């Protein structure tokens, strides 16, 4: 398994779900489109700071960005970690949604 390719594939997937082009996401991340392209094809890796930005902008947990179906069996610790990340993501999403609703009223 090539972790850079797994990450790149997932970034591309979540970028498309968010309805963003590479140029748009690169601008939001303050990196060049070429750099983002290299990340998405697995030629380059990300820093922890860039991973945080990507996760926040795409509203995808870091765990989701590194997810691969190559390993089908999960142990209890992995399941607990996934559940924790889902709970954190839902809490953040809920807070953001509530703030946006408040802004509209």
PDB file of N, CA and C in Angstrom:
ATOM      1  N   UNK A   1       0.838  -1.178   0.000  1.00  0.00           N
ATOM      2  CA  UNK A   1       0.000   0.000   0.000  1.00  0.00           C
ATOM      3  C   UNK A   1       0.888   1.248   0.000  1.00  0.00           C
ATOM      4  N   UNK A   2       0.597   2.179  -0.872  1.00  0.00           N
ATOM      5  CA  UNK A   2       1.310   3.448  -0.942  1.00  0.00           C
ATOM      6  C   UNK A   2       0.447   4.503  -0.267  1.00  0.00           C
ATOM      7  N   UNK A   3       0.843   4.912   0.922  1.00  0.00           N
ATOM      8  CA  UNK A   3       0.046   5.831   1.728  1.00  0.00           C
ATOM      9  C   UNK A   3      -0.165   7.172   1.024  1.00  0.00           C
ATOM     10  N   UNK A   4       0.824   7.623   0.250  1.00  0.00           N
ATOM     11  CA  UNK A   4       0.666   8.891  -0.477  1.00  0.00           C
ATOM     12  C   UNK A   4      -0.442   8.779  -1.510  1.00  0.00           C
ATOM     13  N   UNK A   5      -0.528   7.638  -2.172  1.00  0.00           N
ATOM     14  CA  UNK A   5      -1.582   7.446  -3.175  1.00  0.00           C
ATOM     15  C   UNK A   5      -2.954   7.311  -2.531  1.00  0.00           C
ATOM     16  N   UNK A   6      -3.011   6.632  -1.394  1.00  0.00           N
ATOM     17  CA  UNK A   6      -4.281   6.507  -0.667  1.00  0.00           C
ATOM     18  C   UNK A   6      -4.770   7.898  -0.268  1.00  0.00           C
ATOM     19  N   UNK A   7      -3.888   8.694   0.320  1.00  0.00           N
ATOM     20  CA  UNK A   7      -4.256  10.044   0.736  1.00  0.00           C
ATOM     21  C   UNK A   7      -4.692  10.873  -0.468  1.00  0.00           C
ATOM     22  N   UNK A   8      -3.923  10.838  -1.533  1.00  0.00           N
ATOM     23  CA  UNK A   8      -4.241  11.615  -2.728  1.00  0.00           C
ATOM     24  C   UNK A   8      -5.588  11.249  -3.318  1.00  0.00           C
ATOM     25  N   UNK A   9      -5.860   9.956  -3.394  1.00  0.00           N
ATOM     26  CA  UNK A   9      -7.137   9.486  -3.940  1.00  0.00           C
ATOM     27  C   UNK A   9      -8.302   9.989  -3.094  1.00  0.00           C
ATOM     28  N   UNK A  10      -8.135   9.934  -1.773  1.00  0.00           N
ATOM     29  CA  UNK A  10      -9.199  10.384  -0.886  1.00  0.00           C
ATOM     30  C   UNK A  10      -9.377  11.897  -0.912  1.00  0.00           C
ATOM     31  N   UNK A  11      -8.293  12.642  -1.025  1.00  0.00           N
ATOM     32  CA  UNK A  11      -8.413  14.100  -1.145  1.00  0.00           C
ATOM     33  C   UNK A  11      -9.196  14.428  -2.408  1.00  0.00           C
ATOM     34  N   UNK A  12      -8.847  13.777  -3.510  1.00  0.00           N
ATOM     35  CA  UNK A  12      -9.561  14.003  -4.774  1.00  0.00           C
ATOM     36  C   UNK A  12     -11.046  13.691  -4.606  1.00  0.00           C
ATOM     37  N   UNK A  13     -11.355  12.560  -3.953  1.00  0.00           N
ATOM     38  CA  UNK A  13     -12.745  12.153  -3.750  1.00  0.00           C
ATOM     39  C   UNK A  13     -13.511  13.202  -2.942  1.00  0.00           C
ATOM     40  N   UNK A  14     -12.950  13.632  -1.810  1.00  0.00           N
ATOM     41  CA  UNK A  14     -13.638  14.612  -0.971  1.00  0.00           C
ATOM     42  C   UNK A  14     -13.671  16.001  -1.618  1.00  0.00           C
ATOM     43  N   UNK A  15     -12.677  16.328  -2.416  1.00  0.00           N
ATOM     44  CA  UNK A  15     -12.688  17.602  -3.145  1.00  0.00           C
ATOM     45  C   UNK A  15     -13.859  17.626  -4.117  1.00  0.00           C
ATOM     46  N   UNK A  16     -14.056  16.524  -4.828  1.00  0.00           N
ATOM     47  CA  UNK A  16     -15.161  16.444  -5.780  1.00  0.00           C
ATOM     48  C   UNK A  16     -16.505  16.452  -5.060  1.00  0.00           C
ATOM     49  N   UNK A  17     -16.599  15.774  -3.931  1.00  0.00           N
ATOM     50  CA  UNK A  17     -17.833  15.803  -3.140  1.00  0.00           C
ATOM     51  C   UNK A  17     -18.149  17.240  -2.722  1.00  0.00           C
ATOM     52  N   UNK A  18     -17.110  17.997  -2.382  1.00  0.00           N
ATOM     53  CA  UNK A  18     -17.289  19.395  -1.968  1.00  0.00           C
ATOM     54  C   UNK A  18     -17.582  20.309  -3.158  1.00  0.00           C
ATOM     55  N   UNK A  19     -17.471  19.771  -4.377  1.00  0.00           N
ATOM     56  CA  UNK A  19     -17.748  20.568  -5.565  1.00  0.00           C
ATOM     57  C   UNK A  19     -16.655  21.566  -5.895  1.00  0.00           C
ATOM     58  N   UNK A  20     -15.420  21.238  -5.512  1.00  0.00           N
ATOM     59  CA  UNK A  20     -14.292  22.141  -5.752  1.00  0.00           C
ATOM     60  C   UNK A  20     -13.396  21.614  -6.864  1.00  0.00           C
ATOM     61  N   UNK A  21     -12.869  22.531  -7.665  1.00  0.00           N
ATOM     62  CA  UNK A  21     -11.841  22.175  -8.639  1.00  0.00           C
ATOM     63  C   UNK A  21     -10.501  22.149  -7.916  1.00  0.00           C
ATOM     64  N   UNK A  22      -9.491  21.618  -8.580  1.00  0.00           N
ATOM     65  CA  UNK A  22      -8.154  21.652  -7.985  1.00  0.00           C
ATOM     66  C   UNK A  22      -7.714  23.090  -7.759  1.00  0.00           C
ATOM     67  N   UNK A  23      -7.989  23.953  -8.726  1.00  0.00           N
ATOM     68  CA  UNK A  23      -7.597  25.362  -8.583  1.00  0.00           C
ATOM     69  C   UNK A  23      -8.272  26.004  -7.371  1.00  0.00           C
ATOM     70  N   UNK A  24      -9.566  25.728  -7.187  1.00  0.00           N
ATOM     71  CA  UNK A  24     -10.301  26.318  -6.063  1.00  0.00           C
ATOM     72  C   UNK A  24      -9.773  25.814  -4.721  1.00  0.00           C
ATOM     73  N   UNK A  25      -9.551  24.511  -4.625  1.00  0.00           N
ATOM     74  CA  UNK A  25      -9.036  23.968  -3.368  1.00  0.00           C
ATOM     75  C   UNK A  25      -7.620  24.462  -3.113  1.00  0.00           C
ATOM     76  N   UNK A  26      -6.796  24.489  -4.138  1.00  0.00           N
ATOM     77  CA  UNK A  26      -5.424  24.970  -3.975  1.00  0.00           C
ATOM     78  C   UNK A  26      -5.420  26.408  -3.455  1.00  0.00           C
ATOM     79  N   UNK A  27      -6.316  27.234  -3.977  1.00  0.00           N
ATOM     80  CA  UNK A  27      -6.400  28.624  -3.521  1.00  0.00           C
ATOM     81  C   UNK A  27      -6.787  28.683  -2.043  1.00  0.00           C
ATOM     82  N   UNK A  28      -7.770  27.885  -1.645  1.00  0.00           N
ATOM     83  CA  UNK A  28      -8.200  27.860  -0.243  1.00  0.00           C
ATOM     84  C   UNK A  28      -7.074  27.363   0.672  1.00  0.00           C
ATOM     85  N   UNK A  29      -6.235  26.459   0.152  1.00  0.00           N
ATOM     86  CA  UNK A  29      -5.133  25.894   0.938  1.00  0.00           C
ATOM     87  C   UNK A  29      -3.884  26.762   0.886  1.00  0.00           C
ATOM     88  N   UNK A  30      -3.897  27.764   0.016  1.00  0.00           N
ATOM     89  CA  UNK A  30      -2.746  28.639  -0.187  1.00  0.00           C
ATOM     90  C   UNK A  30      -1.527  27.847  -0.678  1.00  0.00           C
ATOM     91  N   UNK A  31      -1.791  26.936  -1.632  1.00  0.00           N
ATOM     92  CA  UNK A  31      -0.715  26.203  -2.307  1.00  0.00           C
ATOM     93  C   UNK A  31      -0.971  26.299  -3.809  1.00  0.00           C
ATOM     94  N   UNK A  32       0.008  25.922  -4.604  1.00  0.00           N
ATOM     95  CA  UNK A  32      -0.178  25.984  -6.050  1.00  0.00           C
ATOM     96  C   UNK A  32      -1.036  24.807  -6.525  1.00  0.00           C
ATOM     97  N   UNK A  33      -1.768  24.992  -7.617  1.00  0.00           N
ATOM     98  CA  UNK A  33      -2.531  23.874  -8.184  1.00  0.00           C
ATOM     99  C   UNK A  33      -1.628  22.692  -8.531  1.00  0.00           C
ATOM    100  N   UNK A  34      -0.416  22.967  -8.965  1.00  0.00           N
ATOM    101  CA  UNK A  34       0.535  21.899  -9.311  1.00  0.00           C
ATOM    102  C   UNK A  34       0.885  21.074  -8.070  1.00  0.00           C
ATOM    103  N   UNK A  35       1.084  21.760  -6.953  1.00  0.00           N
ATOM    104  CA  UNK A  35       1.399  21.050  -5.703  1.00  0.00           C
ATOM    105  C   UNK A  35       0.226  20.158  -5.303  1.00  0.00           C
ATOM    106  N   UNK A  36      -0.986  20.691  -5.386  1.00  0.00           N
ATOM    107  CA  UNK A  36      -2.172  19.891  -5.060  1.00  0.00           C
ATOM    108  C   UNK A  36      -2.289  18.702  -6.009  1.00  0.00           C
ATOM    109  N   UNK A  37      -2.036  18.931  -7.290  1.00  0.00           N
ATOM    110  CA  UNK A  37      -2.077  17.847  -8.264  1.00  0.00           C
ATOM    111  C   UNK A  37      -1.084  16.745  -7.883  1.00  0.00           C
ATOM    112  N   UNK A  38       0.125  17.139  -7.504  1.00  0.00           N
ATOM    113  CA  UNK A  38       1.146  16.167  -7.092  1.00  0.00           C
ATOM    114  C   UNK A  38       0.726  15.391  -5.852  1.00  0.00           C
ATOM    115  N   UNK A  39       0.012  16.050  -4.935  1.00  0.00           N
ATOM    116  CA  UNK A  39      -0.497  15.360  -3.749  1.00  0.00           C
ATOM    117  C   UNK A  39      -1.559  14.356  -4.163  1.00  0.00           C
ATOM    118  N   UNK A  40      -2.489  14.791  -5.035  1.00  0.00           N
ATOM    119  CA  UNK A  40      -3.596  13.925  -5.432  1.00  0.00           C
ATOM    120  C   UNK A  40      -3.143  12.687  -6.212  1.00  0.00           C
ATOM    121  N   UNK A  41      -2.049  12.774  -6.940  1.00  0.00           N
ATOM    122  CA  UNK A  41      -1.573  11.596  -7.674  1.00  0.00           C
ATOM    123  C   UNK A  41      -0.553  10.788  -6.873  1.00  0.00           C
ATOM    124  N   UNK A  42      -0.253  11.246  -5.647  1.00  0.00           N
ATOM    125  CA  UNK A  42       0.639  10.487  -4.777  1.00  0.00           C
ATOM    126  C   UNK A  42       2.113  10.745  -4.985  1.00  0.00           C
ATOM    127  N   UNK A  43       2.463  11.843  -5.649  1.00  0.00           N
ATOM    128  CA  UNK A  43       3.883  12.171  -5.844  1.00  0.00           C
ATOM    129  C   UNK A  43       4.455  12.936  -4.661  1.00  0.00           C
ATOM    130  N   UNK A  44       3.608  13.681  -3.970  1.00  0.00           N
ATOM    131  CA  UNK A  44       4.040  14.485  -2.817  1.00  0.00           C
ATOM    132  C   UNK A  44       3.186  14.129  -1.616  1.00  0.00           C
ATOM    133  N   UNK A  45       3.722  14.406  -0.433  1.00  0.00           N
ATOM    134  CA  UNK A  45       2.983  14.173   0.797  1.00  0.00           C
ATOM    135  C   UNK A  45       2.689  15.517   1.446  1.00  0.00           C
ATOM    136  N   UNK A  46       1.906  15.520   2.477  1.00  0.00           N
ATOM    137  CA  UNK A  46       1.489  16.756   3.120  1.00  0.00           C
ATOM    138  C   UNK A  46       2.164  16.923   4.472  1.00  0.00           C
ATOM    139  N   UNK A  47       2.243  18.169   4.908  1.00  0.00           N
ATOM    140  CA  UNK A  47       2.676  18.447   6.278  1.00  0.00           C
ATOM    141  C   UNK A  47       1.464  18.283   7.187  1.00  0.00           C
ATOM    142  N   UNK A  48       1.703  18.234   8.459  1.00  0.00           N
ATOM    143  CA  UNK A  48       0.579  18.122   9.398  1.00  0.00           C
ATOM    144  C   UNK A  48      -0.315  19.352   9.316  1.00  0.00           C
ATOM    145  N   UNK A  49       0.280  20.533   9.135  1.00  0.00           N
ATOM    146  CA  UNK A  49      -0.516  21.758   9.014  1.00  0.00           C
ATOM    147  C   UNK A  49      -1.403  21.717   7.774  1.00  0.00           C
ATOM    148  N   UNK A  50      -0.846  21.263   6.662  1.00  0.00           N
ATOM    149  CA  UNK A  50      -1.626  21.184   5.433  1.00  0.00           C
ATOM    150  C   UNK A  50      -2.713  20.124   5.565  1.00  0.00           C
ATOM    151  N   UNK A  51      -2.416  19.026   6.221  1.00  0.00           N
ATOM    152  CA  UNK A  51      -3.429  17.991   6.442  1.00  0.00           C
ATOM    153  C   UNK A  51      -4.601  18.551   7.248  1.00  0.00           C
ATOM    154  N   UNK A  52      -4.298  19.346   8.276  1.00  0.00           N
ATOM    155  CA  UNK A  52      -5.355  19.969   9.072  1.00  0.00           C
ATOM    156  C   UNK A  52      -6.229  20.881   8.210  1.00  0.00           C
ATOM    157  N   UNK A  53      -5.595  21.684   7.361  1.00  0.00           N
ATOM    158  CA  UNK A  53      -6.348  22.585   6.482  1.00  0.00           C
ATOM    159  C   UNK A  53      -7.236  21.802   5.522  1.00  0.00           C
ATOM    160  N   UNK A  54      -6.676  20.773   4.918  1.00  0.00           N
ATOM    161  CA  UNK A  54      -7.434  19.948   3.972  1.00  0.00           C
ATOM    162  C   UNK A  54      -8.631  19.333   4.679  1.00  0.00           C
ATOM    163  N   UNK A  55      -8.397  18.777   5.844  1.00  0.00           N
ATOM    164  CA  UNK A  55      -9.453  18.136   6.615  1.00  0.00           C
ATOM    165  C   UNK A  55     -10.566  19.131   6.935  1.00  0.00           C
ATOM    166  N   UNK A  56     -10.183  20.327   7.354  1.00  0.00           N
ATOM    167  CA  UNK A  56     -11.165  21.350   7.726  1.00  0.00           C
ATOM    168  C   UNK A  56     -11.953  21.832   6.507  1.00  0.00           C
ATOM    169  N   UNK A  57     -11.271  22.139   5.430  1.00  0.00           N
ATOM    170  CA  UNK A  57     -11.927  22.677   4.235  1.00  0.00           C
ATOM    171  C   UNK A  57     -12.835  21.636   3.584  1.00  0.00           C
ATOM    172  N   UNK A  58     -12.369  20.390   3.515  1.00  0.00           N
ATOM    173  CA  UNK A  58     -13.167  19.343   2.882  1.00  0.00           C
ATOM    174  C   UNK A  58     -14.163  18.705   3.850  1.00  0.00           C
ATOM    175  N   UNK A  59     -14.101  19.126   5.127  1.00  0.00           N
ATOM    176  CA  UNK A  59     -14.971  18.571   6.158  1.00  0.00           C
ATOM    177  C   UNK A  59     -14.896  17.046   6.187  1.00  0.00           C
ATOM    178  N   UNK A  60     -13.658  16.557   6.176  1.00  0.00           N
ATOM    179  CA  UNK A  60     -13.382  15.120   6.236  1.00  0.00           C
ATOM    180  C   UNK A  60     -12.319  14.902   7.309  1.00  0.00           C
ATOM    181  N   UNK A  61     -12.546  13.960   8.171  1.00  0.00           N
ATOM    182  CA  UNK A  61     -11.578  13.703   9.239  1.00  0.00           C
ATOM    183  C   UNK A  61     -10.266  13.192   8.634  1.00  0.00           C
ATOM    184  N   UNK A  62      -9.162  13.409   9.341  1.00  0.00           N
ATOM    185  CA  UNK A  62      -7.898  12.836   8.873  1.00  0.00           C
ATOM    186  C   UNK A  62      -8.002  11.323   8.677  1.00  0.00           C
ATOM    187  N   UNK A  63      -8.752  10.647   9.539  1.00  0.00           N
ATOM    188  CA  UNK A  63      -8.924   9.192   9.388  1.00  0.00           C
ATOM    189  C   UNK A  63      -9.586   8.871   8.061  1.00  0.00           C
ATOM    190  N   UNK A  64     -10.575   9.671   7.675  1.00  0.00           N
ATOM    191  CA  UNK A  64     -11.260   9.442   6.398  1.00  0.00           C
ATOM    192  C   UNK A  64     -10.311   9.682   5.230  1.00  0.00           C
ATOM    193  N   UNK A  65      -9.406  10.630   5.375  1.00  0.00           N
ATOM    194  CA  UNK A  65      -8.472  10.932   4.293  1.00  0.00           C
ATOM    195  C   UNK A  65      -7.433   9.829   4.101  1.00  0.00           C
ATOM    196  N   UNK A  66      -7.221   9.032   5.133  1.00  0.00           N
ATOM    197  CA  UNK A  66      -6.264   7.932   5.026  1.00  0.00           C
ATOM    198  C   UNK A  66      -6.950   6.574   4.898  1.00  0.00           C
ATOM    199  N   UNK A  67      -8.268   6.576   4.772  1.00  0.00           N
ATOM    200  CA  UNK A  67      -9.013   5.323   4.691  1.00  0.00           C
ATOM    201  C   UNK A  67      -8.700   4.573   3.392  1.00  0.00           C
ATOM    202  N   UNK A  68      -8.558   3.273   3.509  1.00  0.00           N
ATOM    203  CA  UNK A  68      -8.425   2.413   2.349  1.00  0.00           C
ATOM    204  C   UNK A  68      -9.186   1.121   2.626  1.00  0.00           C
ATOM    205  N   UNK A  69      -9.799   0.607   1.612  1.00  0.00           N
ATOM    206  CA  UNK A  69     -10.526  -0.650   1.785  1.00  0.00           C
ATOM    207  C   UNK A  69      -9.597  -1.857   1.664  1.00  0.00           C
ATOM    208  N   UNK A  70      -8.305  -1.605   1.520  1.00  0.00           N
ATOM    209  CA  UNK A  70      -7.346  -2.699   1.381  1.00  0.00           C
ATOM    210  C   UNK A  70      -7.327  -3.593   2.618  1.00  0.00           C
ATOM    211  N   UNK A  71      -7.646  -3.011   3.763  1.00  0.00           N
ATOM    212  CA  UNK A  71      -7.679  -3.772   4.996  1.00  0.00           C
ATOM    213  C   UNK A  71      -9.117  -3.835   5.468  1.00  0.00           C
ATOM    214  N   UNK A  72      -9.714  -4.979   5.337  1.00  0.00           N
ATOM    215  CA  UNK A  72     -11.136  -5.113   5.620  1.00  0.00           C
ATOM    216  C   UNK A  72     -11.430  -5.393   7.097  1.00  0.00           C
ATOM    217  N   UNK A  73     -10.517  -6.036   7.802  1.00  0.00           N
ATOM    218  CA  UNK A  73     -10.759  -6.368   9.202  1.00  0.00           C
ATOM    219  C   UNK A  73     -10.277  -5.227  10.081  1.00  0.00           C
ATOM    220  N   UNK A  74     -11.140  -4.799  10.974  1.00  0.00           N
ATOM    221  CA  UNK A  74     -10.788  -3.763  11.934  1.00  0.00           C
ATOM    222  C   UNK A  74     -10.833  -4.359  13.330  1.00  0.00           C
ATOM    223  N   UNK A  75      -9.863  -3.963  14.145  1.00  0.00           N
ATOM    224  CA  UNK A  75      -9.914  -4.425  15.527  1.00  0.00           C
ATOM    225  C   UNK A  75     -10.707  -3.411  16.357  1.00  0.00           C
ATOM    226  N   UNK A  76     -10.936  -3.724  17.613  1.00  0.00           N
ATOM    227  CA  UNK A  76     -11.761  -2.879  18.482  1.00  0.00           C
ATOM    228  C   UNK A  76     -11.176  -1.475  18.635  1.00  0.00           C
ATOM    229  N   UNK A  77      -9.845  -1.369  18.718  1.00  0.00           N
ATOM    230  CA  UNK A  77      -9.216  -0.053  18.853  1.00  0.00           C
ATOM    231  C   UNK A  77      -9.459   0.797  17.609  1.00  0.00           C
ATOM    232  N   UNK A  78      -9.358   0.185  16.440  1.00  0.00           N
ATOM    233  CA  UNK A  78      -9.597   0.917  15.195  1.00  0.00           C
ATOM    234  C   UNK A  78     -11.050   1.365  15.090  1.00  0.00           C
ATOM    235  N   UNK A  79     -11.955   0.494  15.455  1.00  0.00           N
ATOM    236  CA  UNK A  79     -13.380   0.840  15.415  1.00  0.00           C
ATOM    237  C   UNK A  79     -13.655   1.990  16.379  1.00  0.00           C
ATOM    238  N   UNK A  80     -13.079   1.936  17.575  1.00  0.00           N
ATOM    239  CA  UNK A  80     -13.264   3.010  18.557  1.00  0.00           C
ATOM    240  C   UNK A  80     -12.715   4.326  18.028  1.00  0.00           C
ATOM    241  N   UNK A  81     -11.573   4.266  17.365  1.00  0.00           N
ATOM    242  CA  UNK A  81     -10.983   5.481  16.795  1.00  0.00           C
ATOM    243  C   UNK A  81     -11.857   6.047  15.685  1.00  0.00           C
ATOM    244  N   UNK A  82     -12.362   5.205  14.841  1.00  0.00           N
ATOM    245  CA  UNK A  82     -13.262   5.657  13.768  1.00  0.00           C
ATOM    246  C   UNK A  82     -14.518   6.280  14.369  1.00  0.00           C
ATOM    247  N   UNK A  83     -15.082   5.625  15.365  1.00  0.00           N
ATOM    248  CA  UNK A  83     -16.284   6.162  16.011  1.00  0.00           C
ATOM    249  C   UNK A  83     -15.997   7.514  16.657  1.00  0.00           C
ATOM    250  N   UNK A  84     -14.844   7.654  17.286  1.00  0.00           N
ATOM    251  CA  UNK A  84     -14.455   8.928  17.904  1.00  0.00           C
ATOM    252  C   UNK A  84     -14.344  10.011  16.847  1.00  0.00           C
ATOM    253  N   UNK A  85     -13.691   9.686  15.727  1.00  0.00           N
ATOM    254  CA  UNK A  85     -13.543  10.676  14.656  1.00  0.00           C
ATOM    255  C   UNK A  85     -14.897  11.065  14.075  1.00  0.00           C
ATOM    256  N   UNK A  86     -15.777  10.112  13.909  1.00  0.00           N
ATOM    257  CA  UNK A  86     -17.123  10.408  13.401  1.00  0.00           C
ATOM    258  C   UNK A  86     -17.849  11.324  14.381  1.00  0.00           C
ATOM    259  N   UNK A  87     -17.781  11.005  15.670  1.00  0.00           N
ATOM    260  CA  UNK A  87     -18.442  11.827  16.680  1.00  0.00           C
ATOM    261  C   UNK A  87     -17.904  13.259  16.674  1.00  0.00           C
ATOM    262  N   UNK A  88     -16.575  13.410  16.571  1.00  0.00           N
ATOM    263  CA  UNK A  88     -15.964  14.739  16.536  1.00  0.00           C
ATOM    264  C   UNK A  88     -16.408  15.498  15.287  1.00  0.00           C
ATOM    265  N   UNK A  89     -16.443  14.798  14.164  1.00  0.00           N
ATOM    266  CA  UNK A  89     -16.851  15.435  12.904  1.00  0.00           C
ATOM    267  C   UNK A  89     -18.308  15.898  12.990  1.00  0.00           C
ATOM    268  N   UNK A  90     -19.169  15.065  13.541  1.00  0.00           N
ATOM    269  CA  UNK A  90     -20.580  15.416  13.683  1.00  0.00           C
ATOM    270  C   UNK A  90     -20.730  16.618  14.612  1.00  0.00           C
ATOM    271  N   UNK A  91     -19.982  16.632  15.714  1.00  0.00           N
ATOM    272  CA  UNK A  91     -20.054  17.741  16.659  1.00  0.00           C
ATOM    273  C   UNK A  91     -19.616  19.046  15.980  1.00  0.00           C
ATOM    274  N   UNK A  92     -18.530  18.999  15.232  1.00  0.00           N
ATOM    275  CA  UNK A  92     -18.043  20.185  14.519  1.00  0.00           C
ATOM    276  C   UNK A  92     -19.044  20.628  13.470  1.00  0.00           C
ATOM    277  N   UNK A  93     -19.577  19.687  12.714  1.00  0.00           N
ATOM    278  CA  UNK A  93     -20.558  20.007  11.683  1.00  0.00           C
ATOM    279  C   UNK A  93     -21.801  20.635  12.307  1.00  0.00           C
ATOM    280  N   UNK A  94     -22.256  20.073  13.410  1.00  0.00           N
ATOM    281  CA  UNK A  94     -23.443  20.579  14.097  1.00  0.00           C
ATOM    282  C   UNK A  94     -23.216  22.008  14.572  1.00  0.00           C
ATOM    283  N   UNK A  95     -22.054  22.271  15.133  1.00  0.00           N
ATOM    284  CA  UNK A  95     -21.721  23.610  15.621  1.00  0.00           C
ATOM    285  C   UNK A  95     -21.704  24.597  14.461  1.00  0.00           C
ATOM    286  N   UNK A  96     -21.064  24.227  13.364  1.00  0.00           N
ATOM    287  CA  UNK A  96     -20.999  25.088  12.188  1.00  0.00           C
ATOM    288  C   UNK A  96     -22.380  25.353  11.620  1.00  0.00           C
ATOM    289  N   UNK A  97     -23.189  24.329  11.542  1.00  0.00           N
ATOM    290  CA  UNK A  97     -24.547  24.470  11.012  1.00  0.00           C
ATOM    291  C   UNK A  97     -25.365  25.410  11.897  1.00  0.00           C
ATOM    292  N   UNK A  98     -25.271  25.243  13.215  1.00  0.00           N
ATOM    293  CA  UNK A  98     -25.993  26.116  14.140  1.00  0.00           C
ATOM    294  C   UNK A  98     -25.556  27.562  13.980  1.00  0.00           C
ATOM    295  N   UNK A  99     -24.251  27.796  13.814  1.00  0.00           N
ATOM    296  CA  UNK A  99     -23.738  29.160  13.628  1.00  0.00           C
ATOM    297  C   UNK A  99     -24.272  29.762  12.336  1.00  0.00           C
ATOM    298  N   UNK A 100     -24.310  28.970  11.277  1.00  0.00           N
ATOM    299  CA  UNK A 100     -24.827  29.473  10.002  1.00  0.00           C
ATOM    300  C   UNK A 100     -26.312  29.801  10.111  1.00  0.00           C
ATOM    301  N   UNK A 101     -27.053  28.979  10.833  1.00  0.00           N
ATOM    302  CA  UNK A 101     -28.482  29.235  11.028  1.00  0.00           C
ATOM    303  C   UNK A 101     -28.676  30.525  11.829  1.00  0.00           C
ATOM    304  N   UNK A 102     -27.864  30.701  12.879  1.00  0.00           N
ATOM    305  CA  UNK A 102     -27.938  31.928  13.684  1.00  0.00           C
ATOM    306  C   UNK A 102     -27.623  33.152  12.837  1.00  0.00           C
ATOM    307  N   UNK A 103     -26.659  33.031  11.942  1.00  0.00           N
ATOM    308  CA  UNK A 103     -26.294  34.145  11.062  1.00  0.00           C
ATOM    309  C   UNK A 103     -27.422  34.529  10.117  1.00  0.00           C
ATOM    310  N   UNK A 104     -28.268  33.569   9.782  1.00  0.00           N
ATOM    311  CA  UNK A 104     -29.375  33.826   8.861  1.00  0.00           C
ATOM    312  C   UNK A 104     -30.556  34.502   9.562  1.00  0.00           C
ATOM    313  N   UNK A 105     -30.604  34.380  10.884  1.00  0.00           N
ATOM    314  CA  UNK A 105     -31.757  34.953  11.605  1.00  0.00           C
ATOM    315  C   UNK A 105     -31.457  36.324  12.151  1.00  0.00           C
TER     316      UNK A 105
END
